[in-house]
Amino acid sequence: VPVVSAEQIDEAVLAGKKAFEMFSRMTKEERNPLLLACAEAISANSAEMAELLCKEQGKPLSKANKEVQWAVTCFKKAAEVSIPVKVLHEDDAGRVEVRYCPIGVVAAIVP
């Protein structure tokens, strides 16, 4: 069973940081086509990805196919999400807003 090294994790986090820098500066309109392209790429390669999941995790092909389709759905839903700006106060003197902004990269080991 292959094991990921600490160096490989560091490389993945570094790649994530580079992507974060680019994505965090993009508008929703700039990000959405990229998210939808990811969904399309996963969908176009779904059979191969499901086979890899079977080999990697030993799960039945039917469950692997569902997992791949779930990933496609996640990317499509992410393209639909709009995080609204919450206006706490507004008057002639100004406006107070709460905005949710990306803060960084997370590395996680998941099943």
PDB file of N, CA and C in Angstrom:
ATOM      1  N   VAL A   1       0.857  -1.181   0.000  1.00  0.00           N
ATOM      2  CA  VAL A   1       0.000   0.000   0.000  1.00  0.00           C
ATOM      3  C   VAL A   1       0.896   1.234   0.000  1.00  0.00           C
ATOM      4  N   PRO A   2       0.794   2.068  -1.016  1.00  0.00           N
ATOM      5  CA  PRO A   2       1.606   3.288  -1.061  1.00  0.00           C
ATOM      6  C   PRO A   2       1.247   4.238   0.081  1.00  0.00           C
ATOM      7  N   VAL A   3       2.268   4.894   0.594  1.00  0.00           N
ATOM      8  CA  VAL A   3       2.091   5.864   1.670  1.00  0.00           C
ATOM      9  C   VAL A   3       2.599   7.212   1.173  1.00  0.00           C
ATOM     10  N   VAL A   4       1.887   8.249   1.525  1.00  0.00           N
ATOM     11  CA  VAL A   4       2.297   9.598   1.138  1.00  0.00           C
ATOM     12  C   VAL A   4       3.370  10.072   2.109  1.00  0.00           C
ATOM     13  N   SER A   5       4.423  10.649   1.571  1.00  0.00           N
ATOM     14  CA  SER A   5       5.512  11.153   2.410  1.00  0.00           C
ATOM     15  C   SER A   5       5.199  12.566   2.895  1.00  0.00           C
ATOM     16  N   ALA A   6       5.915  12.999   3.911  1.00  0.00           N
ATOM     17  CA  ALA A   6       5.772  14.370   4.415  1.00  0.00           C
ATOM     18  C   ALA A   6       6.115  15.368   3.313  1.00  0.00           C
ATOM     19  N   GLU A   7       7.097  15.019   2.489  1.00  0.00           N
ATOM     20  CA  GLU A   7       7.484  15.896   1.376  1.00  0.00           C
ATOM     21  C   GLU A   7       6.337  16.047   0.370  1.00  0.00           C
ATOM     22  N   GLN A   8       5.645  14.962   0.082  1.00  0.00           N
ATOM     23  CA  GLN A   8       4.513  15.026  -0.849  1.00  0.00           C
ATOM     24  C   GLN A   8       3.373  15.874  -0.274  1.00  0.00           C
ATOM     25  N   ILE A   9       3.164  15.774   1.021  1.00  0.00           N
ATOM     26  CA  ILE A   9       2.142  16.611   1.665  1.00  0.00           C
ATOM     27  C   ILE A   9       2.540  18.073   1.557  1.00  0.00           C
ATOM     28  N   ASP A  10       3.810  18.370   1.828  1.00  0.00           N
ATOM     29  CA  ASP A  10       4.292  19.753   1.710  1.00  0.00           C
ATOM     30  C   ASP A  10       4.111  20.280   0.290  1.00  0.00           C
ATOM     31  N   GLU A  11       4.389  19.439  -0.710  1.00  0.00           N
ATOM     32  CA  GLU A  11       4.210  19.838  -2.110  1.00  0.00           C
ATOM     33  C   GLU A  11       2.738  20.136  -2.410  1.00  0.00           C
ATOM     34  N   ALA A  12       1.854  19.302  -1.882  1.00  0.00           N
ATOM     35  CA  ALA A  12       0.420  19.508  -2.110  1.00  0.00           C
ATOM     36  C   ALA A  12      -0.058  20.798  -1.451  1.00  0.00           C
ATOM     37  N   VAL A  13       0.419  21.058  -0.240  1.00  0.00           N
ATOM     38  CA  VAL A  13       0.036  22.293   0.454  1.00  0.00           C
ATOM     39  C   VAL A  13       0.571  23.509  -0.293  1.00  0.00           C
ATOM     40  N   LEU A  14       1.803  23.429  -0.779  1.00  0.00           N
ATOM     41  CA  LEU A  14       2.379  24.539  -1.545  1.00  0.00           C
ATOM     42  C   LEU A  14       1.564  24.798  -2.819  1.00  0.00           C
ATOM     43  N   ALA A  15       1.170  23.737  -3.503  1.00  0.00           N
ATOM     44  CA  ALA A  15       0.332  23.895  -4.698  1.00  0.00           C
ATOM     45  C   ALA A  15      -1.010  24.525  -4.323  1.00  0.00           C
ATOM     46  N   GLY A  16      -1.558  24.118  -3.189  1.00  0.00           N
ATOM     47  CA  GLY A  16      -2.809  24.702  -2.713  1.00  0.00           C
ATOM     48  C   GLY A  16      -2.665  26.179  -2.406  1.00  0.00           C
ATOM     49  N   LYS A  17      -1.538  26.557  -1.814  1.00  0.00           N
ATOM     50  CA  LYS A  17      -1.294  27.974  -1.504  1.00  0.00           C
ATOM     51  C   LYS A  17      -1.202  28.808  -2.776  1.00  0.00           C
ATOM     52  N   LYS A  18      -0.543  28.261  -3.790  1.00  0.00           N
ATOM     53  CA  LYS A  18      -0.444  28.980  -5.069  1.00  0.00           C
ATOM     54  C   LYS A  18      -1.830  29.156  -5.688  1.00  0.00           C
ATOM     55  N   ALA A  19      -2.622  28.094  -5.657  1.00  0.00           N
ATOM     56  CA  ALA A  19      -3.985  28.175  -6.197  1.00  0.00           C
ATOM     57  C   ALA A  19      -4.824  29.146  -5.375  1.00  0.00           C
ATOM     58  N   PHE A  20      -4.643  29.123  -4.057  1.00  0.00           N
ATOM     59  CA  PHE A  20      -5.390  30.029  -3.181  1.00  0.00           C
ATOM     60  C   PHE A  20      -5.122  31.485  -3.531  1.00  0.00           C
ATOM     61  N   GLU A  21      -3.856  31.809  -3.760  1.00  0.00           N
ATOM     62  CA  GLU A  21      -3.501  33.191  -4.100  1.00  0.00           C
ATOM     63  C   GLU A  21      -4.250  33.648  -5.346  1.00  0.00           C
ATOM     64  N   MET A  22      -4.330  32.782  -6.332  1.00  0.00           N
ATOM     65  CA  MET A  22      -5.018  33.123  -7.578  1.00  0.00           C
ATOM     66  C   MET A  22      -6.537  33.183  -7.366  1.00  0.00           C
ATOM     67  N   PHE A  23      -7.098  32.139  -6.773  1.00  0.00           N
ATOM     68  CA  PHE A  23      -8.547  32.052  -6.620  1.00  0.00           C
ATOM     69  C   PHE A  23      -9.105  33.118  -5.687  1.00  0.00           C
ATOM     70  N   SER A  24      -8.372  33.475  -4.644  1.00  0.00           N
ATOM     71  CA  SER A  24      -8.904  34.438  -3.676  1.00  0.00           C
ATOM     72  C   SER A  24      -9.025  35.840  -4.259  1.00  0.00           C
ATOM     73  N   ARG A  25      -8.317  36.109  -5.335  1.00  0.00           N
ATOM     74  CA  ARG A  25      -8.407  37.422  -5.990  1.00  0.00           C
ATOM     75  C   ARG A  25      -9.460  37.457  -7.099  1.00  0.00           C
ATOM     76  N   MET A  26      -9.987  36.308  -7.456  1.00  0.00           N
ATOM     77  CA  MET A  26     -10.965  36.236  -8.551  1.00  0.00           C
ATOM     78  C   MET A  26     -12.368  36.598  -8.070  1.00  0.00           C
ATOM     79  N   THR A  27     -13.128  37.137  -8.990  1.00  0.00           N
ATOM     80  CA  THR A  27     -14.546  37.360  -8.722  1.00  0.00           C
ATOM     81  C   THR A  27     -15.285  36.039  -8.931  1.00  0.00           C
ATOM     82  N   LYS A  28     -16.507  36.004  -8.451  1.00  0.00           N
ATOM     83  CA  LYS A  28     -17.347  34.819  -8.657  1.00  0.00           C
ATOM     84  C   LYS A  28     -17.490  34.523 -10.151  1.00  0.00           C
ATOM     85  N   GLU A  29     -17.633  35.567 -10.942  1.00  0.00           N
ATOM     86  CA  GLU A  29     -17.804  35.397 -12.384  1.00  0.00           C
ATOM     87  C   GLU A  29     -16.552  34.820 -13.043  1.00  0.00           C
ATOM     88  N   GLU A  30     -15.385  35.108 -12.484  1.00  0.00           N
ATOM     89  CA  GLU A  30     -14.134  34.549 -13.018  1.00  0.00           C
ATOM     90  C   GLU A  30     -13.927  33.111 -12.544  1.00  0.00           C
ATOM     91  N   ARG A  31     -14.341  32.820 -11.303  1.00  0.00           N
ATOM     92  CA  ARG A  31     -14.149  31.488 -10.717  1.00  0.00           C
ATOM     93  C   ARG A  31     -15.099  30.449 -11.287  1.00  0.00           C
ATOM     94  N   ASN A  32     -16.340  30.842 -11.512  1.00  0.00           N
ATOM     95  CA  ASN A  32     -17.362  29.870 -11.907  1.00  0.00           C
ATOM     96  C   ASN A  32     -17.006  29.029 -13.127  1.00  0.00           C
ATOM     97  N   PRO A  33     -16.502  29.615 -14.216  1.00  0.00           N
ATOM     98  CA  PRO A  33     -16.140  28.769 -15.364  1.00  0.00           C
ATOM     99  C   PRO A  33     -15.054  27.745 -15.021  1.00  0.00           C
ATOM    100  N   LEU A  34     -14.150  28.093 -14.126  1.00  0.00           N
ATOM    101  CA  LEU A  34     -13.104  27.147 -13.725  1.00  0.00           C
ATOM    102  C   LEU A  34     -13.689  25.998 -12.911  1.00  0.00           C
ATOM    103  N   LEU A  35     -14.610  26.320 -12.007  1.00  0.00           N
ATOM    104  CA  LEU A  35     -15.260  25.278 -11.212  1.00  0.00           C
ATOM    105  C   LEU A  35     -16.075  24.344 -12.107  1.00  0.00           C
ATOM    106  N   LEU A  36     -16.771  24.926 -13.061  1.00  0.00           N
ATOM    107  CA  LEU A  36     -17.557  24.100 -13.988  1.00  0.00           C
ATOM    108  C   LEU A  36     -16.656  23.264 -14.897  1.00  0.00           C
ATOM    109  N   ALA A  37     -15.495  23.794 -15.257  1.00  0.00           N
ATOM    110  CA  ALA A  37     -14.529  23.022 -16.055  1.00  0.00           C
ATOM    111  C   ALA A  37     -13.996  21.842 -15.246  1.00  0.00           C
ATOM    112  N   CYS A  38     -13.790  22.038 -13.948  1.00  0.00           N
ATOM    113  CA  CYS A  38     -13.369  20.924 -13.081  1.00  0.00           C
ATOM    114  C   CYS A  38     -14.449  19.850 -13.056  1.00  0.00           C
ATOM    115  N   ALA A  39     -15.703  20.272 -12.907  1.00  0.00           N
ATOM    116  CA  ALA A  39     -16.812  19.315 -12.902  1.00  0.00           C
ATOM    117  C   ALA A  39     -16.842  18.531 -14.208  1.00  0.00           C
ATOM    118  N   GLU A  40     -16.653  19.222 -15.314  1.00  0.00           N
ATOM    119  CA  GLU A  40     -16.674  18.572 -16.629  1.00  0.00           C
ATOM    120  C   GLU A  40     -15.504  17.604 -16.789  1.00  0.00           C
ATOM    121  N   ALA A  41     -14.321  18.005 -16.323  1.00  0.00           N
ATOM    122  CA  ALA A  41     -13.143  17.134 -16.432  1.00  0.00           C
ATOM    123  C   ALA A  41     -13.320  15.863 -15.603  1.00  0.00           C
ATOM    124  N   ILE A  42     -13.867  16.010 -14.412  1.00  0.00           N
ATOM    125  CA  ILE A  42     -14.117  14.834 -13.569  1.00  0.00           C
ATOM    126  C   ILE A  42     -15.148  13.936 -14.245  1.00  0.00           C
ATOM    127  N   SER A  43     -16.214  14.541 -14.749  1.00  0.00           N
ATOM    128  CA  SER A  43     -17.266  13.776 -15.414  1.00  0.00           C
ATOM    129  C   SER A  43     -16.728  13.036 -16.640  1.00  0.00           C
ATOM    130  N   ALA A  44     -15.897  13.711 -17.422  1.00  0.00           N
ATOM    131  CA  ALA A  44     -15.333  13.103 -18.633  1.00  0.00           C
ATOM    132  C   ALA A  44     -14.410  11.931 -18.316  1.00  0.00           C
ATOM    133  N   ASN A  45     -13.832  11.934 -17.126  1.00  0.00           N
ATOM    134  CA  ASN A  45     -12.901  10.875 -16.723  1.00  0.00           C
ATOM    135  C   ASN A  45     -13.472  10.025 -15.594  1.00  0.00           C
ATOM    136  N   SER A  46     -14.787  10.022 -15.459  1.00  0.00           N
ATOM    137  CA  SER A  46     -15.423   9.376 -14.311  1.00  0.00           C
ATOM    138  C   SER A  46     -15.157   7.874 -14.232  1.00  0.00           C
ATOM    139  N   ALA A  47     -15.143   7.187 -15.361  1.00  0.00           N
ATOM    140  CA  ALA A  47     -14.914   5.738 -15.335  1.00  0.00           C
ATOM    141  C   ALA A  47     -13.520   5.420 -14.801  1.00  0.00           C
ATOM    142  N   GLU A  48     -12.529   6.148 -15.292  1.00  0.00           N
ATOM    143  CA  GLU A  48     -11.152   5.928 -14.830  1.00  0.00           C
ATOM    144  C   GLU A  48     -11.009   6.288 -13.353  1.00  0.00           C
ATOM    145  N   MET A  49     -11.633   7.382 -12.950  1.00  0.00           N
ATOM    146  CA  MET A  49     -11.537   7.800 -11.550  1.00  0.00           C
ATOM    147  C   MET A  49     -12.212   6.792 -10.625  1.00  0.00           C
ATOM    148  N   ALA A  50     -13.343   6.249 -11.049  1.00  0.00           N
ATOM    149  CA  ALA A  50     -14.031   5.241 -10.242  1.00  0.00           C
ATOM    150  C   ALA A  50     -13.173   3.985 -10.109  1.00  0.00           C
ATOM    151  N   GLU A  51     -12.529   3.583 -11.199  1.00  0.00           N
ATOM    152  CA  GLU A  51     -11.630   2.417 -11.151  1.00  0.00           C
ATOM    153  C   GLU A  51     -10.487   2.654 -10.164  1.00  0.00           C
ATOM    154  N   LEU A  52      -9.917   3.857 -10.198  1.00  0.00           N
ATOM    155  CA  LEU A  52      -8.834   4.186  -9.269  1.00  0.00           C
ATOM    156  C   LEU A  52      -9.311   4.140  -7.822  1.00  0.00           C
ATOM    157  N   LEU A  53     -10.515   4.641  -7.570  1.00  0.00           N
ATOM    158  CA  LEU A  53     -11.066   4.582  -6.213  1.00  0.00           C
ATOM    159  C   LEU A  53     -11.246   3.142  -5.758  1.00  0.00           C
ATOM    160  N   CYS A  54     -11.684   2.274  -6.662  1.00  0.00           N
ATOM    161  CA  CYS A  54     -11.830   0.850  -6.325  1.00  0.00           C
ATOM    162  C   CYS A  54     -10.494   0.246  -5.924  1.00  0.00           C
ATOM    163  N   LYS A  55      -9.465   0.528  -6.711  1.00  0.00           N
ATOM    164  CA  LYS A  55      -8.136  -0.012  -6.429  1.00  0.00           C
ATOM    165  C   LYS A  55      -7.547   0.585  -5.157  1.00  0.00           C
ATOM    166  N   GLU A  56      -7.749   1.880  -4.980  1.00  0.00           N
ATOM    167  CA  GLU A  56      -7.161   2.582  -3.843  1.00  0.00           C
ATOM    168  C   GLU A  56      -7.854   2.230  -2.530  1.00  0.00           C
ATOM    169  N   GLN A  57      -9.179   2.148  -2.553  1.00  0.00           N
ATOM    170  CA  GLN A  57      -9.938   2.001  -1.316  1.00  0.00           C
ATOM    171  C   GLN A  57     -10.623   0.649  -1.171  1.00  0.00           C
ATOM    172  N   GLY A  58     -10.631  -0.133  -2.233  1.00  0.00           N
ATOM    173  CA  GLY A  58     -11.258  -1.444  -2.171  1.00  0.00           C
ATOM    174  C   GLY A  58     -12.777  -1.396  -2.096  1.00  0.00           C
ATOM    175  N   LYS A  59     -13.358  -0.298  -2.548  1.00  0.00           N
ATOM    176  CA  LYS A  59     -14.819  -0.188  -2.488  1.00  0.00           C
ATOM    177  C   LYS A  59     -15.443  -0.725  -3.765  1.00  0.00           C
ATOM    178  N   PRO A  60     -16.702  -1.106  -3.699  1.00  0.00           N
ATOM    179  CA  PRO A  60     -17.392  -1.582  -4.900  1.00  0.00           C
ATOM    180  C   PRO A  60     -17.474  -0.480  -5.955  1.00  0.00           C
ATOM    181  N   LEU A  61     -17.487  -0.892  -7.209  1.00  0.00           N
ATOM    182  CA  LEU A  61     -17.529   0.064  -8.314  1.00  0.00           C
ATOM    183  C   LEU A  61     -18.762   0.967  -8.235  1.00  0.00           C
ATOM    184  N   SER A  62     -19.890   0.413  -7.812  1.00  0.00           N
ATOM    185  CA  SER A  62     -21.114   1.226  -7.726  1.00  0.00           C
ATOM    186  C   SER A  62     -20.933   2.380  -6.740  1.00  0.00           C
ATOM    187  N   LYS A  63     -20.266   2.125  -5.623  1.00  0.00           N
ATOM    188  CA  LYS A  63     -20.021   3.196  -4.640  1.00  0.00           C
ATOM    189  C   LYS A  63     -18.980   4.184  -5.153  1.00  0.00           C
ATOM    190  N   ALA A  64     -17.986   3.682  -5.847  1.00  0.00           N
ATOM    191  CA  ALA A  64     -16.960   4.564  -6.414  1.00  0.00           C
ATOM    192  C   ALA A  64     -17.577   5.494  -7.455  1.00  0.00           C
ATOM    193  N   ASN A  65     -18.472   4.966  -8.283  1.00  0.00           N
ATOM    194  CA  ASN A  65     -19.159   5.808  -9.274  1.00  0.00           C
ATOM    195  C   ASN A  65     -19.966   6.904  -8.593  1.00  0.00           C
ATOM    196  N   LYS A  66     -20.645   6.559  -7.508  1.00  0.00           N
ATOM    197  CA  LYS A  66     -21.427   7.559  -6.769  1.00  0.00           C
ATOM    198  C   LYS A  66     -20.517   8.629  -6.177  1.00  0.00           C
ATOM    199  N   GLU A  67     -19.357   8.216  -5.688  1.00  0.00           N
ATOM    200  CA  GLU A  67     -18.414   9.180  -5.113  1.00  0.00           C
ATOM    201  C   GLU A  67     -17.897  10.153  -6.176  1.00  0.00           C
ATOM    202  N   VAL A  68     -17.605   9.635  -7.349  1.00  0.00           N
ATOM    203  CA  VAL A  68     -17.138  10.495  -8.443  1.00  0.00           C
ATOM    204  C   VAL A  68     -18.249  11.463  -8.851  1.00  0.00           C
ATOM    205  N   GLN A  69     -19.471  10.977  -8.952  1.00  0.00           N
ATOM    206  CA  GLN A  69     -20.590  11.858  -9.305  1.00  0.00           C
ATOM    207  C   GLN A  69     -20.832  12.907  -8.223  1.00  0.00           C
ATOM    208  N   TRP A  70     -20.601  12.530  -6.971  1.00  0.00           N
ATOM    209  CA  TRP A  70     -20.717  13.482  -5.862  1.00  0.00           C
ATOM    210  C   TRP A  70     -19.705  14.610  -6.039  1.00  0.00           C
ATOM    211  N   ALA A  71     -18.482  14.278  -6.452  1.00  0.00           N
ATOM    212  CA  ALA A  71     -17.456  15.305  -6.689  1.00  0.00           C
ATOM    213  C   ALA A  71     -17.893  16.253  -7.801  1.00  0.00           C
ATOM    214  N   VAL A  72     -18.473  15.701  -8.867  1.00  0.00           N
ATOM    215  CA  VAL A  72     -18.985  16.536  -9.967  1.00  0.00           C
ATOM    216  C   VAL A  72     -20.045  17.492  -9.430  1.00  0.00           C
ATOM    217  N   THR A  73     -20.958  16.965  -8.640  1.00  0.00           N
ATOM    218  CA  THR A  73     -22.029  17.784  -8.059  1.00  0.00           C
ATOM    219  C   THR A  73     -21.465  18.877  -7.165  1.00  0.00           C
ATOM    220  N   CYS A  74     -20.451  18.548  -6.371  1.00  0.00           N
ATOM    221  CA  CYS A  74     -19.846  19.547  -5.474  1.00  0.00           C
ATOM    222  C   CYS A  74     -19.266  20.720  -6.254  1.00  0.00           C
ATOM    223  N   PHE A  75     -18.567  20.442  -7.334  1.00  0.00           N
ATOM    224  CA  PHE A  75     -18.001  21.532  -8.140  1.00  0.00           C
ATOM    225  C   PHE A  75     -19.104  22.369  -8.786  1.00  0.00           C
ATOM    226  N   LYS A  76     -20.151  21.714  -9.262  1.00  0.00           N
ATOM    227  CA  LYS A  76     -21.263  22.457  -9.870  1.00  0.00           C
ATOM    228  C   LYS A  76     -21.964  23.329  -8.834  1.00  0.00           C
ATOM    229  N   LYS A  77     -22.190  22.778  -7.646  1.00  0.00           N
ATOM    230  CA  LYS A  77     -22.844  23.546  -6.580  1.00  0.00           C
ATOM    231  C   LYS A  77     -21.965  24.706  -6.133  1.00  0.00           C
ATOM    232  N   ALA A  78     -20.663  24.488  -6.070  1.00  0.00           N
ATOM    233  CA  ALA A  78     -19.747  25.565  -5.680  1.00  0.00           C
ATOM    234  C   ALA A  78     -19.835  26.727  -6.658  1.00  0.00           C
ATOM    235  N   ALA A  79     -20.061  26.419  -7.929  1.00  0.00           N
ATOM    236  CA  ALA A  79     -20.197  27.479  -8.933  1.00  0.00           C
ATOM    237  C   ALA A  79     -21.500  28.257  -8.754  1.00  0.00           C
ATOM    238  N   GLU A  80     -22.489  27.632  -8.132  1.00  0.00           N
ATOM    239  CA  GLU A  80     -23.779  28.293  -7.917  1.00  0.00           C
ATOM    240  C   GLU A  80     -23.807  29.145  -6.649  1.00  0.00           C
ATOM    241  N   VAL A  81     -22.940  28.825  -5.708  1.00  0.00           N
ATOM    242  CA  VAL A  81     -22.982  29.487  -4.401  1.00  0.00           C
ATOM    243  C   VAL A  81     -22.615  30.957  -4.519  1.00  0.00           C
ATOM    244  N   SER A  82     -23.402  31.752  -3.865  1.00  0.00           N
ATOM    245  CA  SER A  82     -23.114  33.175  -3.783  1.00  0.00           C
ATOM    246  C   SER A  82     -23.155  33.553  -2.310  1.00  0.00           C
ATOM    247  N   ILE A  83     -22.067  34.079  -1.802  1.00  0.00           N
ATOM    248  CA  ILE A  83     -22.013  34.471  -0.396  1.00  0.00           C
ATOM    249  C   ILE A  83     -22.362  35.951  -0.316  1.00  0.00           C
ATOM    250  N   PRO A  84     -23.540  36.251   0.200  1.00  0.00           N
ATOM    251  CA  PRO A  84     -23.983  37.643   0.209  1.00  0.00           C
ATOM    252  C   PRO A  84     -23.208  38.492   1.212  1.00  0.00           C
ATOM    253  N   VAL A  85     -23.163  39.770   0.927  1.00  0.00           N
ATOM    254  CA  VAL A  85     -22.602  40.747   1.858  1.00  0.00           C
ATOM    255  C   VAL A  85     -23.724  41.096   2.826  1.00  0.00           C
ATOM    256  N   LYS A  86     -23.433  41.003   4.121  1.00  0.00           N
ATOM    257  CA  LYS A  86     -24.432  41.332   5.133  1.00  0.00           C
ATOM    258  C   LYS A  86     -24.242  42.790   5.546  1.00  0.00           C
ATOM    259  N   VAL A  87     -25.258  43.599   5.359  1.00  0.00           N
ATOM    260  CA  VAL A  87     -25.197  45.012   5.735  1.00  0.00           C
ATOM    261  C   VAL A  87     -25.724  45.139   7.160  1.00  0.00           C
ATOM    262  N   LEU A  88     -24.834  45.552   8.081  1.00  0.00           N
ATOM    263  CA  LEU A  88     -25.222  45.705   9.479  1.00  0.00           C
ATOM    264  C   LEU A  88     -25.861  47.058   9.750  1.00  0.00           C
ATOM    265  N   HIS A  89     -25.371  48.061   9.045  1.00  0.00           N
ATOM    266  CA  HIS A  89     -25.893  49.418   9.258  1.00  0.00           C
ATOM    267  C   HIS A  89     -25.587  50.255   8.024  1.00  0.00           C
ATOM    268  N   GLU A  90     -26.544  51.091   7.681  1.00  0.00           N
ATOM    269  CA  GLU A  90     -26.324  51.992   6.558  1.00  0.00           C
ATOM    270  C   GLU A  90     -27.115  53.270   6.802  1.00  0.00           C
ATOM    271  N   ASP A  91     -26.419  54.388   6.656  1.00  0.00           N
ATOM    272  CA  ASP A  91     -27.083  55.687   6.737  1.00  0.00           C
ATOM    273  C   ASP A  91     -26.288  56.687   5.908  1.00  0.00           C
ATOM    274  N   ASP A  92     -26.615  57.956   6.022  1.00  0.00           N
ATOM    275  CA  ASP A  92     -25.932  58.986   5.233  1.00  0.00           C
ATOM    276  C   ASP A  92     -24.443  59.074   5.546  1.00  0.00           C
ATOM    277  N   ALA A  93     -24.050  58.649   6.746  1.00  0.00           N
ATOM    278  CA  ALA A  93     -22.646  58.734   7.155  1.00  0.00           C
ATOM    279  C   ALA A  93     -21.810  57.583   6.610  1.00  0.00           C
ATOM    280  N   GLY A  94     -22.448  56.489   6.259  1.00  0.00           N
ATOM    281  CA  GLY A  94     -21.675  55.360   5.750  1.00  0.00           C
ATOM    282  C   GLY A  94     -22.416  54.045   5.837  1.00  0.00           C
ATOM    283  N   ARG A  95     -21.663  52.995   5.683  1.00  0.00           N
ATOM    284  CA  ARG A  95     -22.227  51.647   5.622  1.00  0.00           C
ATOM    285  C   ARG A  95     -21.284  50.687   6.337  1.00  0.00           C
ATOM    286  N   VAL A  96     -21.852  49.768   7.116  1.00  0.00           N
ATOM    287  CA  VAL A  96     -21.074  48.738   7.804  1.00  0.00           C
ATOM    288  C   VAL A  96     -21.485  47.390   7.217  1.00  0.00           C
ATOM    289  N   GLU A  97     -20.488  46.654   6.702  1.00  0.00           N
ATOM    290  CA  GLU A  97     -20.750  45.375   6.048  1.00  0.00           C
ATOM    291  C   GLU A  97     -19.947  44.255   6.696  1.00  0.00           C
ATOM    292  N   VAL A  98     -20.484  43.049   6.593  1.00  0.00           N
ATOM    293  CA  VAL A  98     -19.747  41.835   6.938  1.00  0.00           C
ATOM    294  C   VAL A  98     -19.553  41.079   5.635  1.00  0.00           C
ATOM    295  N   ARG A  99     -18.291  40.793   5.312  1.00  0.00           N
ATOM    296  CA  ARG A  99     -17.956  40.032   4.109  1.00  0.00           C
ATOM    297  C   ARG A  99     -17.168  38.796   4.523  1.00  0.00           C
ATOM    298  N   TYR A 100     -17.517  37.671   3.943  1.00  0.00           N
ATOM    299  CA  TYR A 100     -16.793  36.437   4.199  1.00  0.00           C
ATOM    300  C   TYR A 100     -15.761  36.260   3.101  1.00  0.00           C
ATOM    301  N   CYS A 101     -14.510  36.141   3.504  1.00  0.00           N
ATOM    302  CA  CYS A 101     -13.403  36.062   2.556  1.00  0.00           C
ATOM    303  C   CYS A 101     -12.591  34.798   2.809  1.00  0.00           C
ATOM    304  N   PRO A 102     -11.990  34.238   1.766  1.00  0.00           N
ATOM    305  CA  PRO A 102     -11.140  33.058   1.941  1.00  0.00           C
ATOM    306  C   PRO A 102      -9.943  33.384   2.824  1.00  0.00           C
ATOM    307  N   ILE A 103      -9.549  32.411   3.679  1.00  0.00           N
ATOM    308  CA  ILE A 103      -8.433  32.677   4.592  1.00  0.00           C
ATOM    309  C   ILE A 103      -7.232  31.769   4.396  1.00  0.00           C
ATOM    310  N   GLY A 104      -7.352  30.669   3.686  1.00  0.00           N
ATOM    311  CA  GLY A 104      -6.165  29.857   3.487  1.00  0.00           C
ATOM    312  C   GLY A 104      -6.422  28.420   3.091  1.00  0.00           C
ATOM    313  N   VAL A 105      -5.352  27.653   3.129  1.00  0.00           N
ATOM    314  CA  VAL A 105      -5.325  26.263   2.677  1.00  0.00           C
ATOM    315  C   VAL A 105      -5.432  25.324   3.871  1.00  0.00           C
ATOM    316  N   VAL A 106      -6.114  24.212   3.679  1.00  0.00           N
ATOM    317  CA  VAL A 106      -6.231  23.188   4.706  1.00  0.00           C
ATOM    318  C   VAL A 106      -5.728  21.872   4.117  1.00  0.00           C
ATOM    319  N   ALA A 107      -4.912  21.157   4.872  1.00  0.00           N
ATOM    320  CA  ALA A 107      -4.494  19.812   4.470  1.00  0.00           C
ATOM    321  C   ALA A 107      -5.213  18.828   5.385  1.00  0.00           C
ATOM    322  N   ALA A 108      -5.841  17.827   4.806  1.00  0.00           N
ATOM    323  CA  ALA A 108      -6.590  16.863   5.604  1.00  0.00           C
ATOM    324  C   ALA A 108      -6.443  15.473   5.001  1.00  0.00           C
ATOM    325  N   ILE A 109      -6.458  14.487   5.868  1.00  0.00           N
ATOM    326  CA  ILE A 109      -6.467  13.100   5.421  1.00  0.00           C
ATOM    327  C   ILE A 109      -7.882  12.602   5.630  1.00  0.00           C
ATOM    328  N   VAL A 110      -8.518  12.186   4.548  1.00  0.00           N
ATOM    329  CA  VAL A 110      -9.904  11.730   4.629  1.00  0.00           C
ATOM    330  C   VAL A 110     -10.013  10.346   4.001  1.00  0.00           C
ATOM    331  N   PRO A 111     -11.033   9.601   4.406  1.00  0.00           N
ATOM    332  CA  PRO A 111     -11.179   8.263   3.818  1.00  0.00           C
ATOM    333  C   PRO A 111     -11.483   8.315   2.340  1.00  0.00           C
TER     334      PRO A 111
END
